[in-house]
Structures are given as C-alpha cells and as structure tokens.
Amino acid sequence: KAVERAKEDQVEFRFGSASEFYLFKKDEHGNPTSVPYD
C-alpha cells in the first residue's frame, strides 16, 4: 500500500541494506553460547 501511495505521487523509492550479525560458538550439546567465533 505504501508503494502504491508513492506511485500515485509519481515517486519511486529503492532501498539497500547493510546488516550486522555476530557468530557465536555452540556448546557440546549444540546450545548457543556467548563465546565469539573469533
């Protein structure tokens, strides 16, 4: 609906993204830990 509203106003939007995330090790049971991978 937001895109249609912009189209009515003859405006086009585009978006790019840069997303951050952490990689953590798992324990011997396969559960997440707070130990960083590096």
PDB file of all heavy atoms in Angstrom:
ATOM      1  N   LYS A   1       0.830  -1.210   0.000  1.00  0.00           N
ATOM      2  CA  LYS A   1       0.000   0.000   0.000  1.00  0.00           C
ATOM      3  C   LYS A   1       0.866   1.262   0.000  1.00  0.00           C
ATOM      4  O   LYS A   1       0.527   2.255  -0.656  1.00  0.00           O
ATOM      5  CB  LYS A   1      -0.936  -0.002   1.214  1.00  0.00           C
ATOM      6  CG  LYS A   1      -2.065  -1.021   1.116  1.00  0.00           C
ATOM      7  CD  LYS A   1      -2.939  -0.986   2.365  1.00  0.00           C
ATOM      8  CE  LYS A   1      -4.102  -1.969   2.257  1.00  0.00           C
ATOM      9  NZ  LYS A   1      -4.944  -1.970   3.491  1.00  0.00           N
ATOM     10  N   ALA A   2       1.989   1.217   0.727  1.00  0.00           N
ATOM     11  CA  ALA A   2       2.890   2.368   0.744  1.00  0.00           C
ATOM     12  C   ALA A   2       3.495   2.596  -0.636  1.00  0.00           C
ATOM     13  O   ALA A   2       3.614   3.743  -1.093  1.00  0.00           O
ATOM     14  CB  ALA A   2       4.002   2.155   1.782  1.00  0.00           C
ATOM     15  N   VAL A   3       3.863   1.502  -1.309  1.00  0.00           N
ATOM     16  CA  VAL A   3       4.414   1.616  -2.667  1.00  0.00           C
ATOM     17  C   VAL A   3       3.372   2.202  -3.613  1.00  0.00           C
ATOM     18  O   VAL A   3       3.688   3.049  -4.463  1.00  0.00           O
ATOM     19  CB  VAL A   3       4.907   0.243  -3.161  1.00  0.00           C
ATOM     20  CG1 VAL A   3       5.290   0.298  -4.635  1.00  0.00           C
ATOM     21  CG2 VAL A   3       6.094  -0.237  -2.322  1.00  0.00           C
ATOM     22  N   GLU A   4       2.109   1.777  -3.470  1.00  0.00           N
ATOM     23  CA  GLU A   4       1.037   2.313  -4.318  1.00  0.00           C
ATOM     24  C   GLU A   4       0.826   3.805  -4.057  1.00  0.00           C
ATOM     25  O   GLU A   4       0.598   4.579  -4.984  1.00  0.00           O
ATOM     26  CB  GLU A   4      -0.270   1.548  -4.062  1.00  0.00           C
ATOM     27  CG  GLU A   4      -0.326   0.197  -4.743  1.00  0.00           C
ATOM     28  CD  GLU A   4      -0.166   0.307  -6.249  1.00  0.00           C
ATOM     29  OE1 GLU A   4      -0.868   1.135  -6.874  1.00  0.00           O
ATOM     30  OE2 GLU A   4       0.693  -0.413  -6.802  1.00  0.00           O
ATOM     31  N   ARG A   5       0.910   4.197  -2.785  1.00  0.00           N
ATOM     32  CA  ARG A   5       0.775   5.614  -2.448  1.00  0.00           C
ATOM     33  C   ARG A   5       1.888   6.433  -3.112  1.00  0.00           C
ATOM     34  O   ARG A   5       1.652   7.521  -3.660  1.00  0.00           O
ATOM     35  CB  ARG A   5       0.821   5.766  -0.924  1.00  0.00           C
ATOM     36  CG  ARG A   5       1.097   7.153  -0.437  1.00  0.00           C
ATOM     37  CD  ARG A   5      -0.100   8.089  -0.483  1.00  0.00           C
ATOM     38  NE  ARG A   5       0.333   9.456  -0.282  1.00  0.00           N
ATOM     39  CZ  ARG A   5       0.734   9.967   0.893  1.00  0.00           C
ATOM     40  NH1 ARG A   5       0.736   9.211   1.987  1.00  0.00           N
ATOM     41  NH2 ARG A   5       1.114  11.217   0.976  1.00  0.00           N
ATOM     42  N   ALA A   6       3.118   5.909  -3.083  1.00  0.00           N
ATOM     43  CA  ALA A   6       4.229   6.607  -3.733  1.00  0.00           C
ATOM     44  C   ALA A   6       4.017   6.685  -5.238  1.00  0.00           C
ATOM     45  O   ALA A   6       4.312   7.707  -5.865  1.00  0.00           O
ATOM     46  CB  ALA A   6       5.544   5.894  -3.410  1.00  0.00           C
ATOM     47  N   LYS A   7       3.500   5.597  -5.804  1.00  0.00           N
ATOM     48  CA  LYS A   7       3.243   5.561  -7.249  1.00  0.00           C
ATOM     49  C   LYS A   7       2.221   6.624  -7.639  1.00  0.00           C
ATOM     50  O   LYS A   7       2.349   7.282  -8.677  1.00  0.00           O
ATOM     51  CB  LYS A   7       2.751   4.174  -7.650  1.00  0.00           C
ATOM     52  CG  LYS A   7       2.626   3.959  -9.148  1.00  0.00           C
ATOM     53  CD  LYS A   7       2.232   2.528  -9.452  1.00  0.00           C
ATOM     54  CE  LYS A   7       2.086   2.294 -10.948  1.00  0.00           C
ATOM     55  NZ  LYS A   7       1.688   0.888 -11.244  1.00  0.00           N
ATOM     56  N   GLU A   8       1.197   6.809  -6.805  1.00  0.00           N
ATOM     57  CA  GLU A   8       0.194   7.852  -7.066  1.00  0.00           C
ATOM     58  C   GLU A   8       0.836   9.232  -7.094  1.00  0.00           C
ATOM     59  O   GLU A   8       0.407  10.109  -7.852  1.00  0.00           O
ATOM     60  CB  GLU A   8      -0.898   7.807  -5.981  1.00  0.00           C
ATOM     61  CG  GLU A   8      -1.799   6.587  -6.066  1.00  0.00           C
ATOM     62  CD  GLU A   8      -2.707   6.461  -4.858  1.00  0.00           C
ATOM     63  OE1 GLU A   8      -2.680   7.370  -3.992  1.00  0.00           O
ATOM     64  OE2 GLU A   8      -3.432   5.449  -4.763  1.00  0.00           O
ATOM     65  N   ASP A   9       1.869   9.412  -6.258  1.00  0.00           N
ATOM     66  CA  ASP A   9       2.595  10.679  -6.218  1.00  0.00           C
ATOM     67  C   ASP A   9       3.727  10.724  -7.245  1.00  0.00           C
ATOM     68  O   ASP A   9       4.520  11.673  -7.255  1.00  0.00           O
ATOM     69  CB  ASP A   9       3.175  10.922  -4.823  1.00  0.00           C
ATOM     70  CG  ASP A   9       2.102  11.320  -3.815  1.00  0.00           C
ATOM     71  OD1 ASP A   9       0.921  11.401  -4.206  1.00  0.00           O
ATOM     72  OD2 ASP A   9       2.450  11.546  -2.641  1.00  0.00           O
ATOM     73  N   GLN A  10       3.805   9.681  -8.065  1.00  0.00           N
ATOM     74  CA  GLN A  10       4.827   9.585  -9.120  1.00  0.00           C
ATOM     75  C   GLN A  10       6.239   9.606  -8.537  1.00  0.00           C
ATOM     76  O   GLN A  10       7.158  10.241  -9.083  1.00  0.00           O
ATOM     77  CB  GLN A  10       4.639  10.686 -10.159  1.00  0.00           C
ATOM     78  CG  GLN A  10       3.281  10.636 -10.834  1.00  0.00           C
ATOM     79  CD  GLN A  10       3.103  11.684 -11.918  1.00  0.00           C
ATOM     80  OE1 GLN A  10       4.050  12.298 -12.365  1.00  0.00           O
ATOM     81  NE2 GLN A  10       1.864  11.879 -12.345  1.00  0.00           N
ATOM     82  N   VAL A  11       6.403   8.908  -7.410  1.00  0.00           N
ATOM     83  CA  VAL A  11       7.704   8.801  -6.747  1.00  0.00           C
ATOM     84  C   VAL A  11       8.081   7.329  -6.642  1.00  0.00           C
ATOM     85  O   VAL A  11       7.228   6.492  -6.311  1.00  0.00           O
ATOM     86  CB  VAL A  11       7.680   9.433  -5.339  1.00  0.00           C
ATOM     87  CG1 VAL A  11       9.035   9.276  -4.653  1.00  0.00           C
ATOM     88  CG2 VAL A  11       7.306  10.910  -5.422  1.00  0.00           C
ATOM     89  N   GLU A  12       9.328   7.025  -6.926  1.00  0.00           N
ATOM     90  CA  GLU A  12       9.817   5.655  -6.757  1.00  0.00           C
ATOM     91  C   GLU A  12      10.917   5.641  -5.704  1.00  0.00           C
ATOM     92  O   GLU A  12      11.859   6.431  -5.760  1.00  0.00           O
ATOM     93  CB  GLU A  12      10.370   5.098  -8.067  1.00  0.00           C
ATOM     94  CG  GLU A  12      10.894   3.665  -7.914  1.00  0.00           C
ATOM     95  CD  GLU A  12      11.390   3.060  -9.206  1.00  0.00           C
ATOM     96  OE1 GLU A  12      12.561   3.310  -9.569  1.00  0.00           O
ATOM     97  OE2 GLU A  12      10.608   2.348  -9.860  1.00  0.00           O
ATOM     98  N   PHE A  13      10.770   4.734  -4.741  1.00  0.00           N
ATOM     99  CA  PHE A  13      11.787   4.526  -3.713  1.00  0.00           C
ATOM    100  C   PHE A  13      12.530   3.223  -3.990  1.00  0.00           C
ATOM    101  O   PHE A  13      11.957   2.266  -4.515  1.00  0.00           O
ATOM    102  CB  PHE A  13      11.143   4.429  -2.324  1.00  0.00           C
ATOM    103  CG  PHE A  13      10.651   5.732  -1.772  1.00  0.00           C
ATOM    104  CD1 PHE A  13       9.399   6.224  -2.106  1.00  0.00           C
ATOM    105  CD2 PHE A  13      11.444   6.475  -0.906  1.00  0.00           C
ATOM    106  CE1 PHE A  13       8.936   7.429  -1.589  1.00  0.00           C
ATOM    107  CE2 PHE A  13      10.995   7.680  -0.384  1.00  0.00           C
ATOM    108  CZ  PHE A  13       9.743   8.156  -0.727  1.00  0.00           C
ATOM    109  N   ARG A  14      13.805   3.217  -3.602  1.00  0.00           N
ATOM    110  CA  ARG A  14      14.573   1.978  -3.587  1.00  0.00           C
ATOM    111  C   ARG A  14      15.385   1.946  -2.290  1.00  0.00           C
ATOM    112  O   ARG A  14      15.773   2.996  -1.761  1.00  0.00           O
ATOM    113  CB  ARG A  14      15.493   1.885  -4.805  1.00  0.00           C
ATOM    114  CG  ARG A  14      14.741   1.743  -6.110  1.00  0.00           C
ATOM    115  CD  ARG A  14      15.628   1.217  -7.237  1.00  0.00           C
ATOM    116  NE  ARG A  14      16.682   2.145  -7.592  1.00  0.00           N
ATOM    117  CZ  ARG A  14      16.543   3.157  -8.433  1.00  0.00           C
ATOM    118  NH1 ARG A  14      15.362   3.399  -8.977  1.00  0.00           N
ATOM    119  NH2 ARG A  14      17.566   3.935  -8.718  1.00  0.00           N
ATOM    120  N   PHE A  15      15.621   0.728  -1.804  1.00  0.00           N
ATOM    121  CA  PHE A  15      16.334   0.563  -0.537  1.00  0.00           C
ATOM    122  C   PHE A  15      17.470  -0.440  -0.686  1.00  0.00           C
ATOM    123  O   PHE A  15      17.319  -1.474  -1.340  1.00  0.00           O
ATOM    124  CB  PHE A  15      15.383   0.067   0.557  1.00  0.00           C
ATOM    125  CG  PHE A  15      14.258   1.011   0.869  1.00  0.00           C
ATOM    126  CD1 PHE A  15      12.969   0.768   0.411  1.00  0.00           C
ATOM    127  CD2 PHE A  15      14.483   2.159   1.616  1.00  0.00           C
ATOM    128  CE1 PHE A  15      11.931   1.635   0.690  1.00  0.00           C
ATOM    129  CE2 PHE A  15      13.453   3.038   1.897  1.00  0.00           C
ATOM    130  CZ  PHE A  15      12.172   2.781   1.436  1.00  0.00           C
ATOM    131  N   GLY A  16      18.589  -0.116  -0.068  1.00  0.00           N
ATOM    132  CA  GLY A  16      19.688  -1.063   0.095  1.00  0.00           C
ATOM    133  C   GLY A  16      19.895  -1.294   1.582  1.00  0.00           C
ATOM    134  O   GLY A  16      19.408  -0.533   2.422  1.00  0.00           O
ATOM    135  N   SER A  17      20.615  -2.343   1.935  1.00  0.00           N
ATOM    136  CA  SER A  17      20.775  -2.645   3.361  1.00  0.00           C
ATOM    137  C   SER A  17      22.197  -3.099   3.663  1.00  0.00           C
ATOM    138  O   SER A  17      22.898  -3.651   2.815  1.00  0.00           O
ATOM    139  CB  SER A  17      19.785  -3.733   3.799  1.00  0.00           C
ATOM    140  OG  SER A  17      20.055  -4.950   3.125  1.00  0.00           O
ATOM    141  N   ALA A  18      22.608  -2.844   4.884  1.00  0.00           N
ATOM    142  CA  ALA A  18      23.872  -3.335   5.429  1.00  0.00           C
ATOM    143  C   ALA A  18      23.560  -3.839   6.827  1.00  0.00           C
ATOM    144  O   ALA A  18      23.269  -3.043   7.723  1.00  0.00           O
ATOM    145  CB  ALA A  18      24.913  -2.228   5.465  1.00  0.00           C
ATOM    146  N   SER A  19      23.579  -5.147   7.000  1.00  0.00           N
ATOM    147  CA  SER A  19      23.133  -5.740   8.260  1.00  0.00           C
ATOM    148  C   SER A  19      24.288  -6.436   8.966  1.00  0.00           C
ATOM    149  O   SER A  19      25.048  -7.196   8.366  1.00  0.00           O
ATOM    150  CB  SER A  19      22.006  -6.749   8.001  1.00  0.00           C
ATOM    151  OG  SER A  19      21.499  -7.244   9.215  1.00  0.00           O
ATOM    152  N   GLU A  20      24.395  -6.161  10.272  1.00  0.00           N
ATOM    153  CA  GLU A  20      25.454  -6.751  11.087  1.00  0.00           C
ATOM    154  C   GLU A  20      24.895  -7.915  11.909  1.00  0.00           C
ATOM    155  O   GLU A  20      23.732  -7.908  12.304  1.00  0.00           O
ATOM    156  CB  GLU A  20      26.044  -5.677  12.014  1.00  0.00           C
ATOM    157  CG  GLU A  20      26.712  -4.541  11.252  1.00  0.00           C
ATOM    158  CD  GLU A  20      26.955  -3.295  12.084  1.00  0.00           C
ATOM    159  OE1 GLU A  20      26.346  -3.180  13.185  1.00  0.00           O
ATOM    160  OE2 GLU A  20      27.729  -2.442  11.644  1.00  0.00           O
ATOM    161  N   PHE A  21      25.764  -8.890  12.167  1.00  0.00           N
ATOM    162  CA  PHE A  21      25.371 -10.035  12.995  1.00  0.00           C
ATOM    163  C   PHE A  21      26.625 -10.640  13.614  1.00  0.00           C
ATOM    164  O   PHE A  21      27.736 -10.499  13.092  1.00  0.00           O
ATOM    165  CB  PHE A  21      24.624 -11.096  12.169  1.00  0.00           C
ATOM    166  CG  PHE A  21      25.412 -11.653  11.004  1.00  0.00           C
ATOM    167  CD1 PHE A  21      26.183 -12.803  11.133  1.00  0.00           C
ATOM    168  CD2 PHE A  21      25.393 -11.014   9.773  1.00  0.00           C
ATOM    169  CE1 PHE A  21      26.910 -13.303  10.067  1.00  0.00           C
ATOM    170  CE2 PHE A  21      26.114 -11.508   8.689  1.00  0.00           C
ATOM    171  CZ  PHE A  21      26.876 -12.659   8.838  1.00  0.00           C
ATOM    172  N   TYR A  22      26.434 -11.288  14.753  1.00  0.00           N
ATOM    173  CA  TYR A  22      27.525 -11.988  15.427  1.00  0.00           C
ATOM    174  C   TYR A  22      27.438 -13.483  15.142  1.00  0.00           C
ATOM    175  O   TYR A  22      26.336 -14.029  14.968  1.00  0.00           O
ATOM    176  CB  TYR A  22      27.442 -11.779  16.943  1.00  0.00           C
ATOM    177  CG  TYR A  22      28.091 -10.514  17.435  1.00  0.00           C
ATOM    178  CD1 TYR A  22      27.444  -9.283  17.315  1.00  0.00           C
ATOM    179  CD2 TYR A  22      29.354 -10.537  18.033  1.00  0.00           C
ATOM    180  CE1 TYR A  22      28.048  -8.112  17.775  1.00  0.00           C
ATOM    181  CE2 TYR A  22      29.952  -9.376  18.503  1.00  0.00           C
ATOM    182  CZ  TYR A  22      29.299  -8.169  18.368  1.00  0.00           C
ATOM    183  OH  TYR A  22      29.890  -7.019  18.820  1.00  0.00           O
ATOM    184  N   LEU A  23      28.598 -14.136  15.111  1.00  0.00           N
ATOM    185  CA  LEU A  23      28.681 -15.593  15.065  1.00  0.00           C
ATOM    186  C   LEU A  23      29.238 -16.079  16.399  1.00  0.00           C
ATOM    187  O   LEU A  23      30.330 -15.659  16.818  1.00  0.00           O
ATOM    188  CB  LEU A  23      29.589 -16.054  13.922  1.00  0.00           C
ATOM    189  CG  LEU A  23      29.065 -15.811  12.508  1.00  0.00           C
ATOM    190  CD1 LEU A  23      30.135 -16.167  11.481  1.00  0.00           C
ATOM    191  CD2 LEU A  23      27.784 -16.605  12.244  1.00  0.00           C
ATOM    192  N   PHE A  24      28.468 -16.940  17.085  1.00  0.00           N
ATOM    193  CA  PHE A  24      28.876 -17.495  18.361  1.00  0.00           C
ATOM    194  C   PHE A  24      29.042 -19.007  18.257  1.00  0.00           C
ATOM    195  O   PHE A  24      28.362 -19.675  17.453  1.00  0.00           O
ATOM    196  CB  PHE A  24      27.843 -17.176  19.444  1.00  0.00           C
ATOM    197  CG  PHE A  24      27.772 -15.720  19.812  1.00  0.00           C
ATOM    198  CD1 PHE A  24      26.617 -14.984  19.590  1.00  0.00           C
ATOM    199  CD2 PHE A  24      28.863 -15.085  20.391  1.00  0.00           C
ATOM    200  CE1 PHE A  24      26.538 -13.641  19.926  1.00  0.00           C
ATOM    201  CE2 PHE A  24      28.792 -13.743  20.741  1.00  0.00           C
ATOM    202  CZ  PHE A  24      27.643 -13.015  20.511  1.00  0.00           C
ATOM    203  N   LYS A  25      29.920 -19.541  19.101  1.00  0.00           N
ATOM    204  CA  LYS A  25      30.108 -20.989  19.163  1.00  0.00           C
ATOM    205  C   LYS A  25      28.933 -21.633  19.902  1.00  0.00           C
ATOM    206  O   LYS A  25      28.196 -20.969  20.635  1.00  0.00           O
ATOM    207  CB  LYS A  25      31.408 -21.315  19.896  1.00  0.00           C
ATOM    208  CG  LYS A  25      32.662 -20.821  19.179  1.00  0.00           C
ATOM    209  CD  LYS A  25      33.911 -21.145  19.987  1.00  0.00           C
ATOM    210  CE  LYS A  25      35.170 -20.631  19.285  1.00  0.00           C
ATOM    211  NZ  LYS A  25      36.387 -20.923  20.068  1.00  0.00           N
ATOM    212  N   LYS A  26      28.771 -22.943  19.702  1.00  0.00           N
ATOM    213  CA  LYS A  26      27.798 -23.733  20.462  1.00  0.00           C
ATOM    214  C   LYS A  26      28.538 -24.612  21.463  1.00  0.00           C
ATOM    215  O   LYS A  26      29.728 -24.907  21.300  1.00  0.00           O
ATOM    216  CB  LYS A  26      26.974 -24.606  19.524  1.00  0.00           C
ATOM    217  CG  LYS A  26      26.057 -23.825  18.594  1.00  0.00           C
ATOM    218  CD  LYS A  26      25.212 -24.768  17.750  1.00  0.00           C
ATOM    219  CE  LYS A  26      24.236 -23.992  16.864  1.00  0.00           C
ATOM    220  NZ  LYS A  26      23.400 -24.911  16.053  1.00  0.00           N
ATOM    221  N   ASP A  27      27.820 -25.018  22.526  1.00  0.00           N
ATOM    222  CA  ASP A  27      28.438 -25.926  23.492  1.00  0.00           C
ATOM    223  C   ASP A  27      28.359 -27.367  22.998  1.00  0.00           C
ATOM    224  O   ASP A  27      27.879 -27.639  21.896  1.00  0.00           O
ATOM    225  CB  ASP A  27      27.822 -25.751  24.883  1.00  0.00           C
ATOM    226  CG  ASP A  27      26.346 -26.144  24.936  1.00  0.00           C
ATOM    227  OD1 ASP A  27      25.880 -26.900  24.052  1.00  0.00           O
ATOM    228  OD2 ASP A  27      25.651 -25.699  25.871  1.00  0.00           O
ATOM    229  N   GLU A  28      28.826 -28.289  23.831  1.00  0.00           N
ATOM    230  CA  GLU A  28      28.879 -29.698  23.413  1.00  0.00           C
ATOM    231  C   GLU A  28      27.503 -30.303  23.178  1.00  0.00           C
ATOM    232  O   GLU A  28      27.372 -31.351  22.535  1.00  0.00           O
ATOM    233  CB  GLU A  28      29.653 -30.532  24.449  1.00  0.00           C
ATOM    234  CG  GLU A  28      29.008 -30.608  25.830  1.00  0.00           C
ATOM    235  CD  GLU A  28      29.436 -29.454  26.737  1.00  0.00           C
ATOM    236  OE1 GLU A  28      29.907 -28.439  26.218  1.00  0.00           O
ATOM    237  OE2 GLU A  28      29.283 -29.595  27.968  1.00  0.00           O
ATOM    238  N   HIS A  29      26.460 -29.639  23.678  1.00  0.00           N
ATOM    239  CA  HIS A  29      25.092 -30.117  23.468  1.00  0.00           C
ATOM    240  C   HIS A  29      24.401 -29.417  22.301  1.00  0.00           C
ATOM    241  O   HIS A  29      23.209 -29.649  22.049  1.00  0.00           O
ATOM    242  CB  HIS A  29      24.271 -29.915  24.748  1.00  0.00           C
ATOM    243  CG  HIS A  29      24.852 -30.585  25.949  1.00  0.00           C
ATOM    244  ND1 HIS A  29      24.952 -31.965  26.077  1.00  0.00           N
ATOM    245  CD2 HIS A  29      25.390 -30.050  27.092  1.00  0.00           C
ATOM    246  CE1 HIS A  29      25.516 -32.259  27.231  1.00  0.00           C
ATOM    247  NE2 HIS A  29      25.791 -31.122  27.870  1.00  0.00           N
ATOM    248  N   GLY A  30      25.121 -28.551  21.617  1.00  0.00           N
ATOM    249  CA  GLY A  30      24.542 -27.847  20.476  1.00  0.00           C
ATOM    250  C   GLY A  30      23.762 -26.601  20.847  1.00  0.00           C
ATOM    251  O   GLY A  30      23.064 -26.031  19.995  1.00  0.00           O
ATOM    252  N   ASN A  31      23.893 -26.144  22.092  1.00  0.00           N
ATOM    253  CA  ASN A  31      23.182 -24.942  22.523  1.00  0.00           C
ATOM    254  C   ASN A  31      24.050 -23.699  22.300  1.00  0.00           C
ATOM    255  O   ASN A  31      25.271 -23.761  22.430  1.00  0.00           O
ATOM    256  CB  ASN A  31      22.816 -25.045  24.011  1.00  0.00           C
ATOM    257  CG  ASN A  31      21.896 -26.207  24.283  1.00  0.00           C
ATOM    258  OD1 ASN A  31      20.909 -26.398  23.571  1.00  0.00           O
ATOM    259  ND2 ASN A  31      22.212 -26.995  25.306  1.00  0.00           N
ATOM    260  N   PRO A  32      23.420 -22.555  21.980  1.00  0.00           N
ATOM    261  CA  PRO A  32      24.191 -21.331  21.747  1.00  0.00           C
ATOM    262  C   PRO A  32      24.943 -20.895  22.998  1.00  0.00           C
ATOM    263  O   PRO A  32      24.470 -21.073  24.123  1.00  0.00           O
ATOM    264  CB  PRO A  32      23.122 -20.302  21.373  1.00  0.00           C
ATOM    265  CG  PRO A  32      21.934 -21.105  20.947  1.00  0.00           C
ATOM    266  CD  PRO A  32      21.976 -22.362  21.741  1.00  0.00           C
ATOM    267  N   THR A  33      26.129 -20.321  22.799  1.00  0.00           N
ATOM    268  CA  THR A  33      26.889 -19.713  23.887  1.00  0.00           C
ATOM    269  C   THR A  33      27.092 -18.232  23.550  1.00  0.00           C
ATOM    270  O   THR A  33      26.674 -17.754  22.504  1.00  0.00           O
ATOM    271  CB  THR A  33      28.269 -20.380  24.058  1.00  0.00           C
ATOM    272  OG1 THR A  33      29.115 -19.992  22.958  1.00  0.00           O
ATOM    273  CG2 THR A  33      28.140 -21.898  24.110  1.00  0.00           C
ATOM    274  N   SER A  34      27.784 -17.512  24.428  1.00  0.00           N
ATOM    275  CA  SER A  34      28.154 -16.124  24.146  1.00  0.00           C
ATOM    276  C   SER A  34      29.648 -16.023  23.831  1.00  0.00           C
ATOM    277  O   SER A  34      30.249 -14.959  23.971  1.00  0.00           O
ATOM    278  CB  SER A  34      27.797 -15.231  25.340  1.00  0.00           C
ATOM    279  OG  SER A  34      28.443 -15.685  26.510  1.00  0.00           O
ATOM    280  N   VAL A  35      30.227 -17.135  23.378  1.00  0.00           N
ATOM    281  CA  VAL A  35      31.649 -17.160  23.016  1.00  0.00           C
ATOM    282  C   VAL A  35      31.777 -16.825  21.536  1.00  0.00           C
ATOM    283  O   VAL A  35      31.314 -17.593  20.676  1.00  0.00           O
ATOM    284  CB  VAL A  35      32.275 -18.541  23.293  1.00  0.00           C
ATOM    285  CG1 VAL A  35      33.748 -18.538  22.903  1.00  0.00           C
ATOM    286  CG2 VAL A  35      32.093 -18.921  24.761  1.00  0.00           C
ATOM    287  N   PRO A  36      32.395 -15.692  21.183  1.00  0.00           N
ATOM    288  CA  PRO A  36      32.507 -15.323  19.766  1.00  0.00           C
ATOM    289  C   PRO A  36      33.330 -16.332  18.976  1.00  0.00           C
ATOM    290  O   PRO A  36      34.248 -16.970  19.507  1.00  0.00           O
ATOM    291  CB  PRO A  36      33.214 -13.953  19.814  1.00  0.00           C
ATOM    292  CG  PRO A  36      33.005 -13.447  21.196  1.00  0.00           C
ATOM    293  CD  PRO A  36      32.959 -14.661  22.073  1.00  0.00           C
ATOM    294  N   TYR A  37      33.005 -16.453  17.700  1.00  0.00           N
ATOM    295  CA  TYR A  37      33.704 -17.389  16.818  1.00  0.00           C
ATOM    296  C   TYR A  37      35.150 -16.972  16.588  1.00  0.00           C
ATOM    297  O   TYR A  37      36.004 -17.804  16.293  1.00  0.00           O
ATOM    298  CB  TYR A  37      32.949 -17.468  15.486  1.00  0.00           C
ATOM    299  CG  TYR A  37      33.461 -18.505  14.533  1.00  0.00           C
ATOM    300  CD1 TYR A  37      33.762 -19.801  14.948  1.00  0.00           C
ATOM    301  CD2 TYR A  37      33.639 -18.190  13.189  1.00  0.00           C
ATOM    302  CE1 TYR A  37      34.220 -20.753  14.048  1.00  0.00           C
ATOM    303  CE2 TYR A  37      34.084 -19.126  12.275  1.00  0.00           C
ATOM    304  CZ  TYR A  37      34.374 -20.406  12.710  1.00  0.00           C
ATOM    305  OH  TYR A  37      34.831 -21.349  11.813  1.00  0.00           O
ATOM    306  N   ASP A  38      35.443 -15.671  16.685  1.00  0.00           N
ATOM    307  CA  ASP A  38      36.821 -15.201  16.539  1.00  0.00           C
ATOM    308  C   ASP A  38      37.015 -13.939  17.376  1.00  0.00           C
ATOM    309  O   ASP A  38      36.069 -13.444  18.004  1.00  0.00           O
ATOM    310  CB  ASP A  38      37.182 -14.959  15.066  1.00  0.00           C
ATOM    311  CG  ASP A  38      36.336 -13.870  14.407  1.00  0.00           C
ATOM    312  OD1 ASP A  38      36.022 -12.858  15.071  1.00  0.00           O
ATOM    313  OD2 ASP A  38      35.981 -14.011  13.223  1.00  0.00           O
TER     314      ASP A  38
END
